[in-house]
Amino acid sequence: MRFDNIRLERAYWLMEHFPSILIDVREEEDYQAFHLKGAINIPYSKFANQKFRKDIIYIVYCNNGMQSMRAARDLAMDGYQVYNVLGGLKGNEKY
């Protein structure tokens, strides 16, 4: 399986129209300092211990899109429908 990189506007559109979850894969202290509206925090370092559902679209982001790209790859390889927010927070500063 593969994943797609999408802009944040598309991520919010998906969340509005499909069962989906926005996941901030940064560490908890970064999440607490600032996160996108509607996001939950599952640090990439704890991904292996998580149970994910197959009937949900996962949208992942981090600071610059690199760590979330690894998370998206891992989820996609396990058969989940996943999107990575292109550029992460730094690439979407207006949010």
PDB file of N, CA and C in Angstrom:
ATOM      1  N   MET A   1       0.834  -1.177   0.000  1.00  0.00           N
ATOM      2  CA  MET A   1       0.000   0.000   0.000  1.00  0.00           C
ATOM      3  C   MET A   1       0.883   1.247   0.000  1.00  0.00           C
ATOM      4  N   ARG A   2       0.272   2.356  -0.350  1.00  0.00           N
ATOM      5  CA  ARG A   2       0.994   3.608  -0.374  1.00  0.00           C
ATOM      6  C   ARG A   2       0.150   4.680   0.294  1.00  0.00           C
ATOM      7  N   PHE A   3       0.745   5.820   0.497  1.00  0.00           N
ATOM      8  CA  PHE A   3       0.026   6.951   1.075  1.00  0.00           C
ATOM      9  C   PHE A   3       0.238   8.147   0.165  1.00  0.00           C
ATOM     10  N   ASP A   4      -0.614   9.146   0.320  1.00  0.00           N
ATOM     11  CA  ASP A   4      -0.490  10.379  -0.446  1.00  0.00           C
ATOM     12  C   ASP A   4      -0.149  11.535   0.491  1.00  0.00           C
ATOM     13  N   ASN A   5       0.591  12.483  -0.043  1.00  0.00           N
ATOM     14  CA  ASN A   5       0.847  13.738   0.642  1.00  0.00           C
ATOM     15  C   ASN A   5      -0.242  14.714   0.231  1.00  0.00           C
ATOM     16  N   ILE A   6      -0.822  15.397   1.208  1.00  0.00           N
ATOM     17  CA  ILE A   6      -1.894  16.342   0.906  1.00  0.00           C
ATOM     18  C   ILE A   6      -1.652  17.657   1.651  1.00  0.00           C
ATOM     19  N   ARG A   7      -2.261  18.692   1.162  1.00  0.00           N
ATOM     20  CA  ARG A   7      -2.220  19.994   1.837  1.00  0.00           C
ATOM     21  C   ARG A   7      -3.216  19.964   3.004  1.00  0.00           C
ATOM     22  N   LEU A   8      -3.010  20.837   3.951  1.00  0.00           N
ATOM     23  CA  LEU A   8      -3.861  20.862   5.131  1.00  0.00           C
ATOM     24  C   LEU A   8      -5.319  21.162   4.785  1.00  0.00           C
ATOM     25  N   GLU A   9      -5.552  21.992   3.797  1.00  0.00           N
ATOM     26  CA  GLU A   9      -6.920  22.290   3.386  1.00  0.00           C
ATOM     27  C   GLU A   9      -7.648  21.011   2.988  1.00  0.00           C
ATOM     28  N   ARG A  10      -6.955  20.150   2.264  1.00  0.00           N
ATOM     29  CA  ARG A  10      -7.534  18.863   1.845  1.00  0.00           C
ATOM     30  C   ARG A  10      -7.767  17.965   3.058  1.00  0.00           C
ATOM     31  N   ALA A  11      -6.873  18.013   4.027  1.00  0.00           N
ATOM     32  CA  ALA A  11      -7.033  17.208   5.245  1.00  0.00           C
ATOM     33  C   ALA A  11      -8.325  17.594   5.961  1.00  0.00           C
ATOM     34  N   TYR A  12      -8.553  18.902   6.114  1.00  0.00           N
ATOM     35  CA  TYR A  12      -9.776  19.339   6.780  1.00  0.00           C
ATOM     36  C   TYR A  12     -11.014  18.984   5.963  1.00  0.00           C
ATOM     37  N   TRP A  13     -10.909  19.013   4.650  1.00  0.00           N
ATOM     38  CA  TRP A  13     -12.032  18.606   3.798  1.00  0.00           C
ATOM     39  C   TRP A  13     -12.339  17.126   4.029  1.00  0.00           C
ATOM     40  N   LEU A  14     -11.304  16.289   4.054  1.00  0.00           N
ATOM     41  CA  LEU A  14     -11.509  14.859   4.312  1.00  0.00           C
ATOM     42  C   LEU A  14     -12.177  14.638   5.660  1.00  0.00           C
ATOM     43  N   MET A  15     -11.712  15.361   6.677  1.00  0.00           N
ATOM     44  CA  MET A  15     -12.273  15.204   8.016  1.00  0.00           C
ATOM     45  C   MET A  15     -13.749  15.598   8.062  1.00  0.00           C
ATOM     46  N   GLU A  16     -14.112  16.536   7.222  1.00  0.00           N
ATOM     47  CA  GLU A  16     -15.495  16.990   7.178  1.00  0.00           C
ATOM     48  C   GLU A  16     -16.413  15.998   6.463  1.00  0.00           C
ATOM     49  N   HIS A  17     -15.852  15.231   5.521  1.00  0.00           N
ATOM     50  CA  HIS A  17     -16.680  14.387   4.665  1.00  0.00           C
ATOM     51  C   HIS A  17     -16.536  12.876   4.892  1.00  0.00           C
ATOM     52  N   PHE A  18     -15.537  12.457   5.628  1.00  0.00           N
ATOM     53  CA  PHE A  18     -15.294  11.022   5.830  1.00  0.00           C
ATOM     54  C   PHE A  18     -14.881  10.758   7.281  1.00  0.00           C
ATOM     55  N   PRO A  19     -15.156   9.554   7.767  1.00  0.00           N
ATOM     56  CA  PRO A  19     -14.647   9.210   9.103  1.00  0.00           C
ATOM     57  C   PRO A  19     -13.118   9.242   9.084  1.00  0.00           C
ATOM     58  N   SER A  20     -12.546  10.163   9.811  1.00  0.00           N
ATOM     59  CA  SER A  20     -11.093  10.335   9.768  1.00  0.00           C
ATOM     60  C   SER A  20     -10.591  10.916  11.082  1.00  0.00           C
ATOM     61  N   ILE A  21      -9.306  10.728  11.304  1.00  0.00           N
ATOM     62  CA  ILE A  21      -8.658  11.223  12.512  1.00  0.00           C
ATOM     63  C   ILE A  21      -7.376  11.936  12.111  1.00  0.00           C
ATOM     64  N   LEU A  22      -7.195  13.139  12.641  1.00  0.00           N
ATOM     65  CA  LEU A  22      -5.985  13.921  12.440  1.00  0.00           C
ATOM     66  C   LEU A  22      -5.043  13.616  13.598  1.00  0.00           C
ATOM     67  N   ILE A  23      -3.847  13.110  13.292  1.00  0.00           N
ATOM     68  CA  ILE A  23      -2.902  12.698  14.320  1.00  0.00           C
ATOM     69  C   ILE A  23      -1.634  13.533  14.242  1.00  0.00           C
ATOM     70  N   ASP A  24      -1.316  14.147  15.370  1.00  0.00           N
ATOM     71  CA  ASP A  24      -0.057  14.860  15.547  1.00  0.00           C
ATOM     72  C   ASP A  24       0.942  13.831  16.071  1.00  0.00           C
ATOM     73  N   VAL A  25       1.985  13.531  15.297  1.00  0.00           N
ATOM     74  CA  VAL A  25       2.933  12.480  15.681  1.00  0.00           C
ATOM     75  C   VAL A  25       4.143  13.019  16.438  1.00  0.00           C
ATOM     76  N   ARG A  26       4.108  14.308  16.795  1.00  0.00           N
ATOM     77  CA  ARG A  26       5.201  14.885  17.576  1.00  0.00           C
ATOM     78  C   ARG A  26       5.095  14.427  19.029  1.00  0.00           C
ATOM     79  N   GLU A  27       6.136  14.678  19.792  1.00  0.00           N
ATOM     80  CA  GLU A  27       6.128  14.313  21.208  1.00  0.00           C
ATOM     81  C   GLU A  27       5.100  15.170  21.959  1.00  0.00           C
ATOM     82  N   GLU A  28       4.664  14.677  23.103  1.00  0.00           N
ATOM     83  CA  GLU A  28       3.568  15.299  23.841  1.00  0.00           C
ATOM     84  C   GLU A  28       3.822  16.764  24.196  1.00  0.00           C
ATOM     85  N   GLU A  29       5.051  17.105  24.582  1.00  0.00           N
ATOM     86  CA  GLU A  29       5.318  18.493  24.958  1.00  0.00           C
ATOM     87  C   GLU A  29       5.157  19.448  23.774  1.00  0.00           C
ATOM     88  N   ASP A  30       5.513  19.000  22.575  1.00  0.00           N
ATOM     89  CA  ASP A  30       5.307  19.818  21.378  1.00  0.00           C
ATOM     90  C   ASP A  30       3.817  19.969  21.082  1.00  0.00           C
ATOM     91  N   TYR A  31       3.101  18.869  21.218  1.00  0.00           N
ATOM     92  CA  TYR A  31       1.647  18.885  21.015  1.00  0.00           C
ATOM     93  C   TYR A  31       0.984  19.842  21.997  1.00  0.00           C
ATOM     94  N   GLN A  32       1.386  19.786  23.267  1.00  0.00           N
ATOM     95  CA  GLN A  32       0.794  20.646  24.288  1.00  0.00           C
ATOM     96  C   GLN A  32       1.069  22.126  24.006  1.00  0.00           C
ATOM     97  N   ALA A  33       2.231  22.426  23.463  1.00  0.00           N
ATOM     98  CA  ALA A  33       2.584  23.814  23.162  1.00  0.00           C
ATOM     99  C   ALA A  33       1.713  24.379  22.040  1.00  0.00           C
ATOM    100  N   PHE A  34       1.427  23.569  21.029  1.00  0.00           N
ATOM    101  CA  PHE A  34       0.575  23.975  19.913  1.00  0.00           C
ATOM    102  C   PHE A  34       0.225  22.751  19.092  1.00  0.00           C
ATOM    103  N   HIS A  35      -1.016  22.667  18.667  1.00  0.00           N
ATOM    104  CA  HIS A  35      -1.430  21.612  17.736  1.00  0.00           C
ATOM    105  C   HIS A  35      -2.598  22.120  16.897  1.00  0.00           C
ATOM    106  N   LEU A  36      -2.839  21.437  15.820  1.00  0.00           N
ATOM    107  CA  LEU A  36      -3.923  21.814  14.921  1.00  0.00           C
ATOM    108  C   LEU A  36      -5.267  21.460  15.543  1.00  0.00           C
ATOM    109  N   LYS A  37      -6.253  22.263  15.246  1.00  0.00           N
ATOM    110  CA  LYS A  37      -7.599  22.043  15.742  1.00  0.00           C
ATOM    111  C   LYS A  37      -8.090  20.648  15.331  1.00  0.00           C
ATOM    112  N   GLY A  38      -8.591  19.903  16.297  1.00  0.00           N
ATOM    113  CA  GLY A  38      -9.139  18.584  16.035  1.00  0.00           C
ATOM    114  C   GLY A  38      -8.135  17.453  16.079  1.00  0.00           C
ATOM    115  N   ALA A  39      -6.861  17.769  16.286  1.00  0.00           N
ATOM    116  CA  ALA A  39      -5.822  16.736  16.275  1.00  0.00           C
ATOM    117  C   ALA A  39      -5.728  16.020  17.620  1.00  0.00           C
ATOM    118  N   ILE A  40      -5.414  14.734  17.542  1.00  0.00           N
ATOM    119  CA  ILE A  40      -5.058  13.978  18.733  1.00  0.00           C
ATOM    120  C   ILE A  40      -3.553  13.739  18.680  1.00  0.00           C
ATOM    121  N   ASN A  41      -2.969  13.404  19.805  1.00  0.00           N
ATOM    122  CA  ASN A  41      -1.525  13.202  19.866  1.00  0.00           C
ATOM    123  C   ASN A  41      -1.201  11.737  20.056  1.00  0.00           C
ATOM    124  N   ILE A  42      -0.511  11.167  19.068  1.00  0.00           N
ATOM    125  CA  ILE A  42       0.091   9.841  19.192  1.00  0.00           C
ATOM    126  C   ILE A  42       1.521   9.993  18.697  1.00  0.00           C
ATOM    127  N   PRO A  43       2.470  10.195  19.613  1.00  0.00           N
ATOM    128  CA  PRO A  43       3.859  10.368  19.189  1.00  0.00           C
ATOM    129  C   PRO A  43       4.337   9.176  18.353  1.00  0.00           C
ATOM    130  N   TYR A  44       5.114   9.480  17.333  1.00  0.00           N
ATOM    131  CA  TYR A  44       5.629   8.420  16.467  1.00  0.00           C
ATOM    132  C   TYR A  44       6.391   7.375  17.276  1.00  0.00           C
ATOM    133  N   SER A  45       7.057   7.800  18.334  1.00  0.00           N
ATOM    134  CA  SER A  45       7.820   6.874  19.171  1.00  0.00           C
ATOM    135  C   SER A  45       6.918   5.841  19.849  1.00  0.00           C
ATOM    136  N   LYS A  46       5.608   6.091  19.876  1.00  0.00           N
ATOM    137  CA  LYS A  46       4.667   5.162  20.514  1.00  0.00           C
ATOM    138  C   LYS A  46       3.728   4.480  19.519  1.00  0.00           C
ATOM    139  N   PHE A  47       3.978   4.657  18.242  1.00  0.00           N
ATOM    140  CA  PHE A  47       3.099   4.079  17.218  1.00  0.00           C
ATOM    141  C   PHE A  47       2.999   2.565  17.314  1.00  0.00           C
ATOM    142  N   ALA A  48       4.099   1.906  17.608  1.00  0.00           N
ATOM    143  CA  ALA A  48       4.111   0.440  17.621  1.00  0.00           C
ATOM    144  C   ALA A  48       3.154  -0.121  18.665  1.00  0.00           C
ATOM    145  N   ASN A  49       2.843   0.645  19.701  1.00  0.00           N
ATOM    146  CA  ASN A  49       1.975   0.163  20.778  1.00  0.00           C
ATOM    147  C   ASN A  49       0.504   0.498  20.563  1.00  0.00           C
ATOM    148  N   GLN A  50       0.160   1.094  19.444  1.00  0.00           N
ATOM    149  CA  GLN A  50      -1.206   1.547  19.196  1.00  0.00           C
ATOM    150  C   GLN A  50      -2.006   0.525  18.401  1.00  0.00           C
ATOM    151  N   LYS A  51      -3.297   0.553  18.625  1.00  0.00           N
ATOM    152  CA  LYS A  51      -4.230  -0.236  17.819  1.00  0.00           C
ATOM    153  C   LYS A  51      -5.005   0.756  16.961  1.00  0.00           C
ATOM    154  N   PHE A  52      -4.995   0.525  15.670  1.00  0.00           N
ATOM    155  CA  PHE A  52      -5.677   1.397  14.733  1.00  0.00           C
ATOM    156  C   PHE A  52      -6.821   0.633  14.083  1.00  0.00           C
ATOM    157  N   ARG A  53      -7.826   1.370  13.644  1.00  0.00           N
ATOM    158  CA  ARG A  53      -8.986   0.771  12.983  1.00  0.00           C
ATOM    159  C   ARG A  53      -8.826   0.868  11.470  1.00  0.00           C
ATOM    160  N   LYS A  54      -9.325  -0.128  10.768  1.00  0.00           N
ATOM    161  CA  LYS A  54      -9.218  -0.147   9.309  1.00  0.00           C
ATOM    162  C   LYS A  54     -10.297   0.698   8.632  1.00  0.00           C
ATOM    163  N   ASP A  55     -11.345   1.082   9.354  1.00  0.00           N
ATOM    164  CA  ASP A  55     -12.461   1.803   8.739  1.00  0.00           C
ATOM    165  C   ASP A  55     -12.355   3.327   8.901  1.00  0.00           C
ATOM    166  N   ILE A  56     -11.187   3.806   9.269  1.00  0.00           N
ATOM    167  CA  ILE A  56     -10.952   5.236   9.489  1.00  0.00           C
ATOM    168  C   ILE A  56      -9.823   5.700   8.564  1.00  0.00           C
ATOM    169  N   ILE A  57      -9.938   6.913   8.087  1.00  0.00           N
ATOM    170  CA  ILE A  57      -8.839   7.539   7.347  1.00  0.00           C
ATOM    171  C   ILE A  57      -7.946   8.233   8.374  1.00  0.00           C
ATOM    172  N   TYR A  58      -6.661   7.988   8.300  1.00  0.00           N
ATOM    173  CA  TYR A  58      -5.710   8.630   9.197  1.00  0.00           C
ATOM    174  C   TYR A  58      -4.956   9.718   8.443  1.00  0.00           C
ATOM    175  N   ILE A  59      -4.894  10.887   9.055  1.00  0.00           N
ATOM    176  CA  ILE A  59      -4.174  12.019   8.494  1.00  0.00           C
ATOM    177  C   ILE A  59      -3.118  12.405   9.527  1.00  0.00           C
ATOM    178  N   VAL A  60      -1.855  12.322   9.147  1.00  0.00           N
ATOM    179  CA  VAL A  60      -0.771  12.536  10.106  1.00  0.00           C
ATOM    180  C   VAL A  60       0.025  13.788   9.742  1.00  0.00           C
ATOM    181  N   TYR A  61       0.549  14.443  10.789  1.00  0.00           N
ATOM    182  CA  TYR A  61       1.409  15.601  10.574  1.00  0.00           C
ATOM    183  C   TYR A  61       2.420  15.700  11.704  1.00  0.00           C
ATOM    184  N   CYS A  62       3.468  16.485  11.453  1.00  0.00           N
ATOM    185  CA  CYS A  62       4.500  16.778  12.455  1.00  0.00           C
ATOM    186  C   CYS A  62       4.972  18.214  12.206  1.00  0.00           C
ATOM    187  N   ASN A  63       6.181  18.543  12.602  1.00  0.00           N
ATOM    188  CA  ASN A  63       6.685  19.909  12.389  1.00  0.00           C
ATOM    189  C   ASN A  63       6.965  20.216  10.924  1.00  0.00           C
ATOM    190  N   ASN A  64       7.644  19.306  10.238  1.00  0.00           N
ATOM    191  CA  ASN A  64       8.065  19.594   8.863  1.00  0.00           C
ATOM    192  C   ASN A  64       7.650  18.532   7.844  1.00  0.00           C
ATOM    193  N   GLY A  65       6.945  17.521   8.266  1.00  0.00           N
ATOM    194  CA  GLY A  65       6.455  16.493   7.349  1.00  0.00           C
ATOM    195  C   GLY A  65       7.320  15.257   7.243  1.00  0.00           C
ATOM    196  N   MET A  66       8.478  15.259   7.866  1.00  0.00           N
ATOM    197  CA  MET A  66       9.388  14.109   7.736  1.00  0.00           C
ATOM    198  C   MET A  66       8.998  12.956   8.666  1.00  0.00           C
ATOM    199  N   GLN A  67       8.788  13.249   9.929  1.00  0.00           N
ATOM    200  CA  GLN A  67       8.420  12.193  10.874  1.00  0.00           C
ATOM    201  C   GLN A  67       7.027  11.650  10.540  1.00  0.00           C
ATOM    202  N   SER A  68       6.133  12.527  10.151  1.00  0.00           N
ATOM    203  CA  SER A  68       4.794  12.063   9.777  1.00  0.00           C
ATOM    204  C   SER A  68       4.837  11.227   8.502  1.00  0.00           C
ATOM    205  N   MET A  69       5.800  11.492   7.631  1.00  0.00           N
ATOM    206  CA  MET A  69       5.951  10.669   6.431  1.00  0.00           C
ATOM    207  C   MET A  69       6.317   9.237   6.817  1.00  0.00           C
ATOM    208  N   ARG A  70       7.180   9.084   7.816  1.00  0.00           N
ATOM    209  CA  ARG A  70       7.517   7.736   8.300  1.00  0.00           C
ATOM    210  C   ARG A  70       6.292   7.070   8.920  1.00  0.00           C
ATOM    211  N   ALA A  71       5.519   7.828   9.684  1.00  0.00           N
ATOM    212  CA  ALA A  71       4.304   7.281  10.291  1.00  0.00           C
ATOM    213  C   ALA A  71       3.311   6.860   9.212  1.00  0.00           C
ATOM    214  N   ALA A  72       3.146   7.701   8.193  1.00  0.00           N
ATOM    215  CA  ALA A  72       2.237   7.378   7.090  1.00  0.00           C
ATOM    216  C   ALA A  72       2.696   6.129   6.365  1.00  0.00           C
ATOM    217  N   ARG A  73       3.990   6.017   6.114  1.00  0.00           N
ATOM    218  CA  ARG A  73       4.532   4.828   5.462  1.00  0.00           C
ATOM    219  C   ARG A  73       4.236   3.574   6.277  1.00  0.00           C
ATOM    220  N   ASP A  74       4.466   3.648   7.582  1.00  0.00           N
ATOM    221  CA  ASP A  74       4.228   2.491   8.451  1.00  0.00           C
ATOM    222  C   ASP A  74       2.762   2.080   8.444  1.00  0.00           C
ATOM    223  N   LEU A  75       1.876   3.061   8.555  1.00  0.00           N
ATOM    224  CA  LEU A  75       0.448   2.747   8.535  1.00  0.00           C
ATOM    225  C   LEU A  75       0.021   2.182   7.182  1.00  0.00           C
ATOM    226  N   ALA A  76       0.500   2.774   6.110  1.00  0.00           N
ATOM    227  CA  ALA A  76       0.152   2.301   4.773  1.00  0.00           C
ATOM    228  C   ALA A  76       0.641   0.867   4.560  1.00  0.00           C
ATOM    229  N   MET A  77       1.841   0.571   5.033  1.00  0.00           N
ATOM    230  CA  MET A  77       2.380  -0.786   4.878  1.00  0.00           C
ATOM    231  C   MET A  77       1.552  -1.812   5.645  1.00  0.00           C
ATOM    232  N   ASP A  78       0.872  -1.366   6.697  1.00  0.00           N
ATOM    233  CA  ASP A  78       0.003  -2.254   7.465  1.00  0.00           C
ATOM    234  C   ASP A  78      -1.430  -2.270   6.941  1.00  0.00           C
ATOM    235  N   GLY A  79      -1.663  -1.599   5.812  1.00  0.00           N
ATOM    236  CA  GLY A  79      -2.959  -1.670   5.147  1.00  0.00           C
ATOM    237  C   GLY A  79      -3.970  -0.611   5.538  1.00  0.00           C
ATOM    238  N   TYR A  80      -3.535   0.451   6.190  1.00  0.00           N
ATOM    239  CA  TYR A  80      -4.445   1.525   6.581  1.00  0.00           C
ATOM    240  C   TYR A  80      -4.493   2.593   5.504  1.00  0.00           C
ATOM    241  N   GLN A  81      -5.636   3.275   5.413  1.00  0.00           N
ATOM    242  CA  GLN A  81      -5.753   4.408   4.505  1.00  0.00           C
ATOM    243  C   GLN A  81      -5.219   5.626   5.240  1.00  0.00           C
ATOM    244  N   VAL A  82      -4.156   6.217   4.704  1.00  0.00           N
ATOM    245  CA  VAL A  82      -3.461   7.284   5.429  1.00  0.00           C
ATOM    246  C   VAL A  82      -2.973   8.367   4.476  1.00  0.00           C
ATOM    247  N   TYR A  83      -2.957   9.583   4.990  1.00  0.00           N
ATOM    248  CA  TYR A  83      -2.438  10.733   4.264  1.00  0.00           C
ATOM    249  C   TYR A  83      -1.448  11.465   5.157  1.00  0.00           C
ATOM    250  N   ASN A  84      -0.433  12.035   4.545  1.00  0.00           N
ATOM    251  CA  ASN A  84       0.556  12.848   5.239  1.00  0.00           C
ATOM    252  C   ASN A  84       0.337  14.310   4.858  1.00  0.00           C
ATOM    253  N   VAL A  85       0.320  15.193   5.872  1.00  0.00           N
ATOM    254  CA  VAL A  85       0.179  16.627   5.601  1.00  0.00           C
ATOM    255  C   VAL A  85       1.526  17.148   5.101  1.00  0.00           C
ATOM    256  N   LEU A  86       1.551  17.534   3.864  1.00  0.00           N
ATOM    257  CA  LEU A  86       2.753  18.007   3.193  1.00  0.00           C
ATOM    258  C   LEU A  86       3.327  19.234   3.893  1.00  0.00           C
ATOM    259  N   GLY A  87       4.589  19.155   4.284  1.00  0.00           N
ATOM    260  CA  GLY A  87       5.256  20.283   4.928  1.00  0.00           C
ATOM    261  C   GLY A  87       4.999  20.423   6.416  1.00  0.00           C
ATOM    262  N   GLY A  88       4.108  19.612   6.971  1.00  0.00           N
ATOM    263  CA  GLY A  88       3.809  19.678   8.396  1.00  0.00           C
ATOM    264  C   GLY A  88       3.357  21.064   8.821  1.00  0.00           C
ATOM    265  N   LEU A  89       3.587  21.380  10.084  1.00  0.00           N
ATOM    266  CA  LEU A  89       3.186  22.692  10.604  1.00  0.00           C
ATOM    267  C   LEU A  89       3.927  23.830   9.917  1.00  0.00           C
ATOM    268  N   LYS A  90       5.202  23.640   9.646  1.00  0.00           N
ATOM    269  CA  LYS A  90       5.995  24.708   9.026  1.00  0.00           C
ATOM    270  C   LYS A  90       5.529  25.024   7.616  1.00  0.00           C
ATOM    271  N   GLY A  91       5.007  24.048   6.925  1.00  0.00           N
ATOM    272  CA  GLY A  91       4.518  24.264   5.570  1.00  0.00           C
ATOM    273  C   GLY A  91       3.091  24.782   5.535  1.00  0.00           C
ATOM    274  N   ASN A  92       2.480  24.907   6.700  1.00  0.00           N
ATOM    275  CA  ASN A  92       1.082  25.347   6.781  1.00  0.00           C
ATOM    276  C   ASN A  92       0.933  26.367   7.902  1.00  0.00           C
ATOM    277  N   GLU A  93       1.785  27.364   7.923  1.00  0.00           N
ATOM    278  CA  GLU A  93       1.858  28.298   9.043  1.00  0.00           C
ATOM    279  C   GLU A  93       0.605  29.123   9.267  1.00  0.00           C
ATOM    280  N   LYS A  94      -0.244  29.231   8.276  1.00  0.00           N
ATOM    281  CA  LYS A  94      -1.452  30.048   8.470  1.00  0.00           C
ATOM    282  C   LYS A  94      -2.461  29.380   9.392  1.00  0.00           C
ATOM    283  N   TYR A  95      -2.236  28.119   9.722  1.00  0.00           N
ATOM    284  CA  TYR A  95      -3.129  27.421  10.624  1.00  0.00           C
ATOM    285  C   TYR A  95      -2.562  27.464  12.002  1.00  0.00           C
TER     286      TYR A  95
END
